[in-house]
N, C-alpha and C. Protein backbone atom coordinates (compact mmCIF):
# COMPACT_ATOMS: atom_id res chain seq x y z
N UNK A 1 -1.19 -13.12 -15.37
CA UNK A 1 -1.28 -11.71 -14.59
C UNK A 1 -2.50 -11.63 -13.60
N UNK A 2 -2.81 -11.63 -12.66
CA UNK A 2 -3.89 -10.94 -11.94
C UNK A 2 -4.40 -9.54 -11.81
N UNK A 3 -5.30 -9.12 -12.35
CA UNK A 3 -5.73 -7.44 -11.76
C UNK A 3 -6.91 -7.53 -10.87
N UNK A 4 -6.71 -7.47 -9.60
CA UNK A 4 -7.99 -7.38 -8.78
C UNK A 4 -8.28 -6.15 -8.06
N UNK A 5 -9.62 -5.68 -7.65
CA UNK A 5 -10.00 -4.70 -6.97
C UNK A 5 -10.97 -5.30 -6.17
N UNK A 6 -10.51 -4.95 -5.05
CA UNK A 6 -12.05 -5.36 -3.72
C UNK A 6 -11.78 -3.83 -2.74
N UNK A 7 -12.82 -3.74 -2.47
CA UNK A 7 -12.96 -2.30 -1.55
C UNK A 7 -12.86 -2.78 -0.46
N UNK A 8 -12.57 -2.21 0.40
CA UNK A 8 -12.45 -2.44 2.26
C UNK A 8 -12.04 -1.19 2.80
N UNK A 9 -11.84 -1.21 4.17
CA UNK A 9 -11.13 -0.13 4.60
C UNK A 9 -10.62 -0.98 5.72
N UNK A 10 -9.45 -0.12 5.87
CA UNK A 10 -8.01 -0.36 6.55
C UNK A 10 -7.52 0.90 7.58
N UNK A 11 -5.76 0.71 7.82
CA UNK A 11 -5.42 1.31 8.32
C UNK A 11 -4.12 1.02 8.69
N UNK A 12 -3.08 2.10 8.61
CA UNK A 12 -1.37 1.84 8.42
C UNK A 12 -0.94 2.71 9.47
N UNK A 13 0.39 2.38 9.78
CA UNK A 13 1.18 3.08 10.92
C UNK A 13 2.61 2.79 10.13
N UNK A 14 3.25 4.07 9.98
CA UNK A 14 4.91 4.40 9.11
C UNK A 14 5.40 5.10 10.02
N UNK A 15 6.61 5.05 9.91
CA UNK A 15 7.95 5.80 10.36
C UNK A 15 8.37 6.39 9.43
N UNK A 16 9.43 7.18 9.25
CA UNK A 16 10.24 7.93 8.37
C UNK A 16 11.28 8.50 8.83
N UNK A 17 12.28 8.47 8.54
CA UNK A 17 13.77 9.52 8.18
C UNK A 17 14.31 9.91 7.43
N UNK A 18 14.32 11.39 7.72
CA UNK A 18 14.90 12.09 6.22
C UNK A 18 16.35 11.81 6.60
N UNK A 19 16.83 11.84 4.65
CA UNK A 19 18.23 11.14 4.94
C UNK A 19 19.15 12.11 4.17
N UNK A 20 18.02 13.31 3.01
CA UNK A 20 18.98 14.10 2.17
C UNK A 20 17.99 15.54 1.93
N UNK A 21 18.15 16.11 1.92
CA UNK A 21 17.24 17.74 1.93
C UNK A 21 17.94 18.44 1.05
N UNK A 22 17.01 19.12 -0.07
CA UNK A 22 17.43 20.00 -1.11
C UNK A 22 16.32 21.31 -0.91
N UNK A 23 16.42 22.00 -1.97
CA UNK A 23 15.18 23.10 -1.78
C UNK A 23 14.72 22.23 -3.27
N UNK A 24 14.89 21.55 -3.83
CA UNK A 24 13.87 20.92 -4.96
C UNK A 24 13.67 19.59 -4.61
N UNK A 25 14.23 18.42 -3.67
CA UNK A 25 13.04 17.22 -3.13
C UNK A 25 13.68 17.26 -1.79
N UNK A 26 13.11 16.66 -1.00
CA UNK A 26 13.16 16.04 0.27
C UNK A 26 13.14 14.42 0.36
N UNK A 27 14.24 13.65 0.65
CA UNK A 27 14.30 12.09 0.50
C UNK A 27 14.32 11.26 2.01
N UNK A 28 13.25 10.79 1.79
CA UNK A 28 13.52 9.67 3.37
C UNK A 28 13.33 8.56 3.40
N UNK A 29 13.70 7.64 4.38
CA UNK A 29 13.58 6.37 4.35
C UNK A 29 12.56 6.04 4.98
N UNK A 30 11.53 4.90 4.52
CA UNK A 30 10.11 4.61 5.21
C UNK A 30 10.10 3.48 5.83
N UNK A 31 8.98 3.16 6.48
CA UNK A 31 8.89 1.78 7.17
C UNK A 31 7.48 2.24 7.24
N UNK A 32 6.89 0.64 6.87
CA UNK A 32 5.37 0.98 7.36
C UNK A 32 4.89 -0.59 7.60
N UNK A 33 3.30 -0.72 8.08
CA UNK A 33 2.87 -1.84 8.30
C UNK A 33 0.92 -1.11 7.64
N UNK A 34 0.12 -2.07 7.33
CA UNK A 34 -1.05 -1.54 7.00
C UNK A 34 -1.66 -2.89 6.99
N UNK A 35 -3.32 -3.03 7.34
CA UNK A 35 -4.47 -4.11 7.81
C UNK A 35 -5.51 -3.26 6.89
N UNK A 36 -6.37 -4.37 6.03
CA UNK A 36 -7.22 -4.08 5.55
C UNK A 36 -8.53 -4.86 5.58
N UNK A 37 -9.66 -4.59 6.31
CA UNK A 37 -10.02 -5.70 5.84
C UNK A 37 -11.46 -5.55 4.79
N UNK A 38 -11.57 -7.04 4.35
CA UNK A 38 -12.04 -6.84 3.17
C UNK A 38 -13.52 -7.83 3.17
N UNK A 39 -14.23 -7.17 3.48
CA UNK A 39 -15.74 -7.96 3.90
C UNK A 39 -16.97 -7.84 2.95
N UNK A 40 -17.81 -9.12 3.16
CA UNK A 40 -18.90 -9.23 2.17
C UNK A 40 -19.42 -7.97 2.49
N UNK A 41 -19.59 -6.88 3.08
CA UNK A 41 -20.81 -6.03 3.13
C UNK A 41 -20.37 -4.55 2.22
N UNK A 42 -18.79 -5.28 1.24
CA UNK A 42 -18.78 -3.95 0.50
C UNK A 42 -18.75 -4.29 -0.67
N UNK A 43 -19.10 -5.83 -1.28
CA UNK A 43 -19.20 -6.14 -2.16
C UNK A 43 -20.58 -6.83 -2.84
N UNK A 44 -20.96 -7.14 -4.15
CA UNK A 44 -21.91 -7.66 -4.75
C UNK A 44 -22.56 -8.90 -3.84
N UNK A 45 -23.64 -9.40 -3.59
CA UNK A 45 -24.33 -10.39 -3.18
C UNK A 45 -23.46 -11.57 -4.13
N UNK A 46 -23.51 -11.60 -5.26
CA UNK A 46 -23.37 -12.62 -6.17
C UNK A 46 -21.70 -12.80 -6.12
N UNK A 47 -21.20 -11.94 -6.07
CA UNK A 47 -19.70 -12.19 -5.76
C UNK A 47 -19.10 -12.01 -4.86
N UNK A 48 -19.73 -12.16 -3.48
CA UNK A 48 -19.39 -11.67 -2.40
C UNK A 48 -18.42 -12.51 -1.83
N UNK A 49 -16.97 -11.51 -1.32
CA UNK A 49 -15.63 -12.45 -1.11
C UNK A 49 -15.12 -11.82 0.52
N UNK A 50 -14.74 -11.73 1.40
CA UNK A 50 -14.20 -11.52 2.77
C UNK A 50 -12.66 -11.76 2.39
N UNK A 51 -12.22 -11.39 3.65
CA UNK A 51 -10.83 -11.80 3.87
C UNK A 51 -10.49 -10.67 4.65
N UNK A 52 -8.72 -10.71 4.44
CA UNK A 52 -7.99 -9.34 5.04
C UNK A 52 -6.83 -9.34 4.29
N UNK A 53 -6.38 -8.29 4.31
CA UNK A 53 -4.81 -7.95 3.37
C UNK A 53 -3.93 -7.22 4.16
N UNK A 54 -3.19 -7.88 4.74
CA UNK A 54 -2.05 -7.38 5.61
C UNK A 54 -0.56 -7.12 5.04
N UNK A 55 0.13 -6.07 5.42
CA UNK A 55 1.03 -5.86 4.47
C UNK A 55 2.08 -5.13 5.41
N UNK A 56 3.25 -5.26 4.89
CA UNK A 56 4.67 -4.48 5.55
C UNK A 56 5.32 -3.97 4.66
N UNK A 57 6.15 -2.48 4.15
CA UNK A 57 6.69 -2.11 3.22
C UNK A 57 7.92 -1.47 3.61
N UNK A 58 9.12 -1.38 2.92
CA UNK A 58 10.38 -0.78 3.34
C UNK A 58 10.56 0.09 1.68
N UNK A 59 10.80 1.22 2.04
CA UNK A 59 10.95 1.92 1.17
C UNK A 59 11.53 3.44 1.49
N UNK A 60 11.46 4.46 0.32
CA UNK A 60 11.84 5.81 0.24
C UNK A 60 10.40 7.03 -0.03
N UNK A 61 10.99 7.59 0.39
CA UNK A 61 9.75 9.02 -0.19
C UNK A 61 10.28 10.18 -0.29
N UNK A 62 10.15 10.48 -1.65
CA UNK A 62 10.61 11.81 -2.04
C UNK A 62 9.42 12.69 -2.29
N UNK A 63 9.53 13.70 -1.63
CA UNK A 63 8.70 14.92 -1.43
C UNK A 63 9.14 16.33 -2.30
N UNK A 64 8.80 16.38 -3.33
CA UNK A 64 8.81 17.78 -4.21
C UNK A 64 8.48 18.67 -3.51
N UNK A 65 9.38 20.27 -4.25
CA UNK A 65 8.90 21.56 -3.84
C UNK A 65 8.48 21.19 -2.12
N UNK A 66 9.63 20.83 -1.52
CA UNK A 66 9.47 20.75 0.00
C UNK A 66 9.39 22.32 0.58
N UNK A 67 9.42 23.49 0.15
CA UNK A 67 9.64 24.70 0.85
C UNK A 67 8.26 25.14 0.71
N UNK A 68 7.16 24.38 0.03
CA UNK A 68 5.71 24.88 -0.68
C UNK A 68 5.15 23.98 0.83
N UNK A 69 3.74 24.58 1.06
CA UNK A 69 2.96 24.05 1.91
C UNK A 69 2.34 22.81 1.38
N UNK A 70 2.10 22.81 -0.07
CA UNK A 70 1.46 21.99 -0.84
C UNK A 70 2.53 21.57 -1.78
N UNK A 71 2.50 19.89 -1.77
CA UNK A 71 3.53 19.78 -2.74
C UNK A 71 3.54 18.10 -3.01
N UNK A 72 3.66 17.46 -3.96
CA UNK A 72 3.26 16.11 -4.72
C UNK A 72 4.25 15.37 -3.79
N UNK A 73 4.07 14.09 -3.94
CA UNK A 73 5.51 13.13 -3.10
C UNK A 73 5.24 11.75 -4.05
N UNK A 74 6.59 11.18 -3.81
CA UNK A 74 6.27 9.68 -4.78
C UNK A 74 7.13 8.81 -3.28
N UNK A 75 6.28 7.49 -3.39
CA UNK A 75 7.06 6.49 -2.86
C UNK A 75 7.52 5.62 -3.90
N UNK A 76 7.90 4.29 -3.24
CA UNK A 76 8.72 3.36 -3.85
C UNK A 76 9.77 2.38 -3.11
N UNK A 77 9.24 1.24 -3.09
CA UNK A 77 9.85 0.53 -2.33
C UNK A 77 9.83 -1.21 -2.29
N UNK A 78 9.93 -1.89 -1.88
CA UNK A 78 10.05 -3.08 -1.32
C UNK A 78 8.79 -3.72 -0.48
N UNK A 79 8.21 -4.08 -1.14
CA UNK A 79 6.89 -4.74 0.18
C UNK A 79 6.51 -6.45 0.44
N UNK A 80 5.73 -6.56 1.14
CA UNK A 80 5.24 -7.96 1.47
C UNK A 80 3.67 -8.03 1.56
N UNK A 81 2.78 -8.76 1.22
CA UNK A 81 1.30 -9.12 1.56
C UNK A 81 0.98 -9.97 2.03
N UNK A 82 -0.01 -10.40 3.03
CA UNK A 82 -0.69 -11.38 2.63
C UNK A 82 -2.13 -11.48 2.50
N UNK A 83 -2.74 -11.91 1.84
CA UNK A 83 -4.20 -12.18 1.66
C UNK A 83 -4.64 -13.44 2.30
N UNK A 84 -6.01 -13.23 2.92
CA UNK A 84 -6.69 -14.40 3.87
C UNK A 84 -7.77 -14.51 3.46
N UNK A 85 -8.60 -15.72 3.73
CA UNK A 85 -10.00 -15.66 3.34
C UNK A 85 -10.29 -15.70 2.05
N UNK A 86 -11.38 -15.64 1.34
CA UNK A 86 -11.92 -16.26 0.04
C UNK A 86 -11.35 -15.04 -0.88
N UNK A 87 -10.20 -13.99 -0.23
CA UNK A 87 -9.82 -12.91 -1.42
C UNK A 87 -8.22 -13.78 -1.82
N UNK A 88 -7.76 -14.73 -1.10
CA UNK A 88 -6.65 -15.50 -1.53
C UNK A 88 -7.20 -16.70 -2.37
N UNK A 89 -8.11 -17.31 -2.05
CA UNK A 89 -8.53 -18.29 -3.34
C UNK A 89 -8.90 -17.47 -4.32
N UNK A 90 -9.09 -16.47 -4.55
CA UNK A 90 -9.44 -15.58 -5.82
C UNK A 90 -8.19 -15.98 -6.59
N UNK A 91 -6.96 -16.00 -6.27
CA UNK A 91 -6.08 -15.69 -7.44
C UNK A 91 -5.35 -17.29 -7.62
N UNK A 92 -5.56 -17.02 -9.08
CA UNK A 92 -4.92 -18.21 -9.34
C UNK A 92 -3.42 -18.54 -9.16
N UNK A 93 -2.87 -19.42 -8.86
CA UNK A 93 -1.58 -19.44 -8.27
C UNK A 93 -0.52 -21.06 -8.71
N UNK A 94 -1.20 -20.99 -10.07
CA UNK A 94 -0.85 -22.34 -11.04
C UNK A 94 -0.90 -23.53 -10.48
N UNK A 95 -0.14 -24.50 -10.10
CA UNK A 95 -0.70 -25.81 -9.84
C UNK A 95 -1.49 -25.80 -8.74
N UNK A 96 -1.57 -24.85 -7.39
CA UNK A 96 -2.15 -25.16 -6.48
C UNK A 96 -3.55 -25.05 -6.67
N UNK A 97 -4.21 -26.25 -6.18
CA UNK A 97 -5.68 -26.27 -6.62
C UNK A 97 -6.45 -26.57 -5.45
N UNK A 98 -5.75 -26.84 -4.19
CA UNK A 98 -6.73 -27.17 -3.10
C UNK A 98 -6.81 -25.87 -2.67
N UNK A 99 -7.88 -25.44 -2.05
CA UNK A 99 -8.31 -24.15 -0.87
C UNK A 99 -7.32 -23.82 0.09
N UNK A 100 -6.56 -22.78 0.06
CA UNK A 100 -5.93 -22.47 0.94
C UNK A 100 -6.17 -20.88 1.78
N UNK A 101 -6.14 -20.72 2.78
CA UNK A 101 -6.09 -19.92 3.92
C UNK A 101 -5.43 -18.05 3.63
N UNK A 102 -4.22 -18.49 3.35
CA UNK A 102 -3.56 -17.23 3.08
C UNK A 102 -2.67 -17.60 2.01
N UNK A 103 -2.02 -16.14 1.37
CA UNK A 103 -1.00 -16.49 0.12
C UNK A 103 -0.23 -15.29 1.14
N UNK A 104 0.91 -15.79 0.35
CA UNK A 104 1.86 -13.93 0.76
C UNK A 104 2.40 -13.79 -0.59
N UNK A 105 2.49 -12.44 -0.73
CA UNK A 105 3.04 -11.93 -1.90
C UNK A 105 4.55 -11.12 -1.71
N UNK A 106 5.37 -11.34 -2.38
CA UNK A 106 6.53 -10.83 -2.13
C UNK A 106 6.94 -10.10 -3.87
N UNK A 107 6.93 -8.40 -3.24
CA UNK A 107 7.34 -7.60 -4.53
C UNK A 107 7.85 -6.28 -4.20
N UNK A 108 6.69 -5.09 -4.89
CA UNK A 108 7.36 -3.48 -4.57
C UNK A 108 6.19 -2.83 -4.96
N UNK A 109 6.27 -1.54 -4.54
CA UNK A 109 5.51 -0.74 -4.54
C UNK A 109 5.88 0.50 -5.22
N UNK A 110 5.00 1.02 -5.89
CA UNK A 110 5.37 2.65 -6.41
C UNK A 110 3.94 3.73 -6.07
N UNK A 111 3.98 4.44 -5.53
CA UNK A 111 2.73 5.37 -5.07
C UNK A 111 2.77 6.68 -5.89
N UNK A 112 1.79 7.92 -5.78
CA UNK A 112 1.77 8.99 -5.98
C UNK A 112 1.37 9.19 -4.96
N UNK A 113 1.23 10.85 -4.59
CA UNK A 113 0.25 11.43 -3.96
C UNK A 113 0.63 13.09 -4.15
N UNK A 114 -0.30 13.69 -2.78
CA UNK A 114 0.12 15.07 -2.85
C UNK A 114 -0.30 15.20 -1.31
N UNK A 115 0.32 15.96 -0.80
CA UNK A 115 0.53 16.45 0.80
C UNK A 115 0.37 17.92 0.92
N UNK A 116 -0.50 18.33 2.02
CA UNK A 116 -0.76 19.66 2.52
C UNK A 116 0.45 19.72 4.21
N UNK A 117 0.86 20.62 4.10
CA UNK A 117 1.71 21.00 5.41
C UNK A 117 0.73 21.97 6.34
N UNK A 118 0.49 21.62 7.75
CA UNK A 118 -0.54 21.97 8.94
C UNK A 118 0.37 22.41 9.59
N UNK A 119 -0.34 23.39 10.14
CA UNK A 119 0.52 24.30 11.49
C UNK A 119 2.11 23.81 11.27
N UNK A 120 2.18 24.98 10.51
CA UNK A 120 3.90 25.06 10.39
C UNK A 120 4.44 24.11 10.38
N UNK A 121 3.81 22.83 9.69
CA UNK A 121 4.62 21.87 8.95
C UNK A 121 4.61 20.48 10.26
N UNK A 122 4.06 20.73 11.61
CA UNK A 122 4.12 19.51 12.47
C UNK A 122 3.19 18.62 12.04
N UNK A 123 1.94 18.77 11.35
CA UNK A 123 0.99 18.07 10.46
C UNK A 123 1.29 17.87 8.92
N UNK A 124 1.25 16.76 9.01
CA UNK A 124 0.90 16.39 7.16
C UNK A 124 0.06 15.64 7.17
N UNK A 125 -0.81 16.20 6.08
CA UNK A 125 -2.28 14.83 5.27
C UNK A 125 -1.99 15.24 3.78
N UNK A 126 -2.42 14.07 3.13
CA UNK A 126 -2.80 14.45 1.84
C UNK A 126 -3.11 12.81 1.31
N UNK A 127 -3.86 13.02 0.04
CA UNK A 127 -4.00 11.44 -0.63
C UNK A 127 -3.03 10.81 -1.53
N UNK A 128 -3.15 9.16 -1.62
CA UNK A 128 -1.77 8.87 -2.23
C UNK A 128 -2.83 7.74 -3.13
N UNK A 129 -2.21 7.36 -4.03
CA UNK A 129 -2.91 5.90 -5.11
C UNK A 129 -1.56 5.29 -5.01
N UNK A 130 -1.13 4.23 -4.32
CA UNK A 130 -0.60 3.15 -4.97
C UNK A 130 -0.70 1.55 -6.19
N UNK A 131 0.61 1.31 -6.60
CA UNK A 131 0.18 -0.31 -6.50
C UNK A 131 1.11 -0.76 -6.06
N UNK A 132 0.58 -2.37 -5.94
CA UNK A 132 1.78 -3.28 -5.48
C UNK A 132 1.73 -4.50 -6.50
N UNK A 133 2.66 -4.53 -6.68
CA UNK A 133 3.10 -5.82 -7.52
C UNK A 133 3.90 -6.79 -7.07
N UNK A 134 3.10 -8.39 -6.99
CA UNK A 134 4.42 -9.00 -6.14
C UNK A 134 4.26 -10.77 -6.78
N UNK A 135 4.99 -11.64 -6.55
CA UNK A 135 4.61 -12.81 -6.97
C UNK A 135 4.39 -13.73 -5.78
N UNK A 136 3.41 -14.49 -5.91
CA UNK A 136 3.10 -14.86 -4.66
C UNK A 136 3.99 -16.22 -3.75
N UNK A 137 4.26 -16.60 -3.09
CA UNK A 137 5.10 -17.55 -2.00
C UNK A 137 5.23 -18.97 -3.05
N UNK A 138 4.25 -19.21 -3.65
CA UNK A 138 4.02 -20.45 -3.92
C UNK A 138 3.49 -20.05 -5.61
N UNK A 139 4.06 -20.34 -6.48
CA UNK A 139 3.49 -20.46 -7.98
C UNK A 139 4.01 -19.29 -8.27
N UNK A 140 3.71 -19.09 -9.45
CA UNK A 140 4.57 -18.13 -10.70
C UNK A 140 3.40 -16.68 -11.32
N UNK A 141 2.24 -16.75 -10.81
CA UNK A 141 1.42 -15.79 -11.69
C UNK A 141 1.97 -14.51 -10.98
N UNK A 142 2.01 -13.13 -11.11
CA UNK A 142 2.43 -11.66 -11.01
C UNK A 142 0.66 -11.30 -10.62
N UNK A 143 0.50 -10.82 -9.50
CA UNK A 143 -0.59 -9.99 -8.85
C UNK A 143 -0.56 -8.76 -8.72
N UNK A 144 -1.44 -8.10 -9.05
CA UNK A 144 -0.90 -6.07 -8.77
C UNK A 144 -2.51 -6.04 -8.28
N UNK A 145 -2.29 -5.11 -7.20
CA UNK A 145 -3.28 -4.57 -6.61
C UNK A 145 -2.92 -3.04 -6.07
N UNK A 146 -3.85 -2.37 -6.29
CA UNK A 146 -3.85 -1.40 -6.23
C UNK A 146 -4.50 -0.08 -4.81
N UNK A 147 -4.37 0.75 -4.27
CA UNK A 147 -4.89 0.99 -2.83
C UNK A 147 -4.67 2.76 -3.00
N UNK A 148 -5.52 3.15 -2.90
CA UNK A 148 -6.21 4.55 -2.48
C UNK A 148 -5.90 5.12 -1.16
N UNK A 149 -4.83 5.39 -0.58
CA UNK A 149 -4.63 5.77 1.01
C UNK A 149 -4.84 7.52 1.30
N UNK A 150 -4.96 8.14 2.71
CA UNK A 150 -5.13 8.98 2.53
C UNK A 150 -4.10 9.21 4.25
N UNK A 151 -3.05 9.78 3.83
CA UNK A 151 -2.12 10.08 4.95
C UNK A 151 -2.04 11.20 6.04
N UNK A 152 -2.27 10.86 7.33
CA UNK A 152 -1.95 12.08 8.48
C UNK A 152 -0.64 11.66 9.31
N UNK A 153 0.33 12.25 8.95
CA UNK A 153 1.75 12.34 9.38
C UNK A 153 2.12 13.42 10.26
N UNK A 154 2.62 13.36 11.73
CA UNK A 154 3.14 13.98 12.94
C UNK A 154 4.47 14.12 12.61
N UNK A 155 5.01 14.86 12.07
CA UNK A 155 6.53 15.64 12.22
C UNK A 155 6.87 16.09 13.26
N UNK A 156 8.05 15.47 13.98
CA UNK A 156 8.67 15.58 14.95
C UNK A 156 10.22 16.06 14.60
């Protein structure tokens, strides 16, 4: 199993639809895509790595205490990520020894965060920490990555 951490900056786009609501928890389907640039400038010069981390995910979101303007959220689902450049070459992928330009990972994610509803619930914002775990397209080494994200959601 590989556990890696690479600082970088990125962005994502998500869409969701509520499918069950109650006084305790609101449930929504979500689909999202993200992009992260992992450039040399963020890393120590001795271990400089660069590359891209691109992904897509499909899952559910649970918003607890939905009647409150401030509430915890939980996200979980399936994901696909691709690492390119030096980041892809950092992972030990079994018998693959040649340099590779991209590695596809298929797996799942689990995240926990906090959201605040602003402007009578029209805008929601807050932090989230989530982990993605998946197997590479070739090989059998499980890889785990963590992400910190800050969500800005517009509710229609």
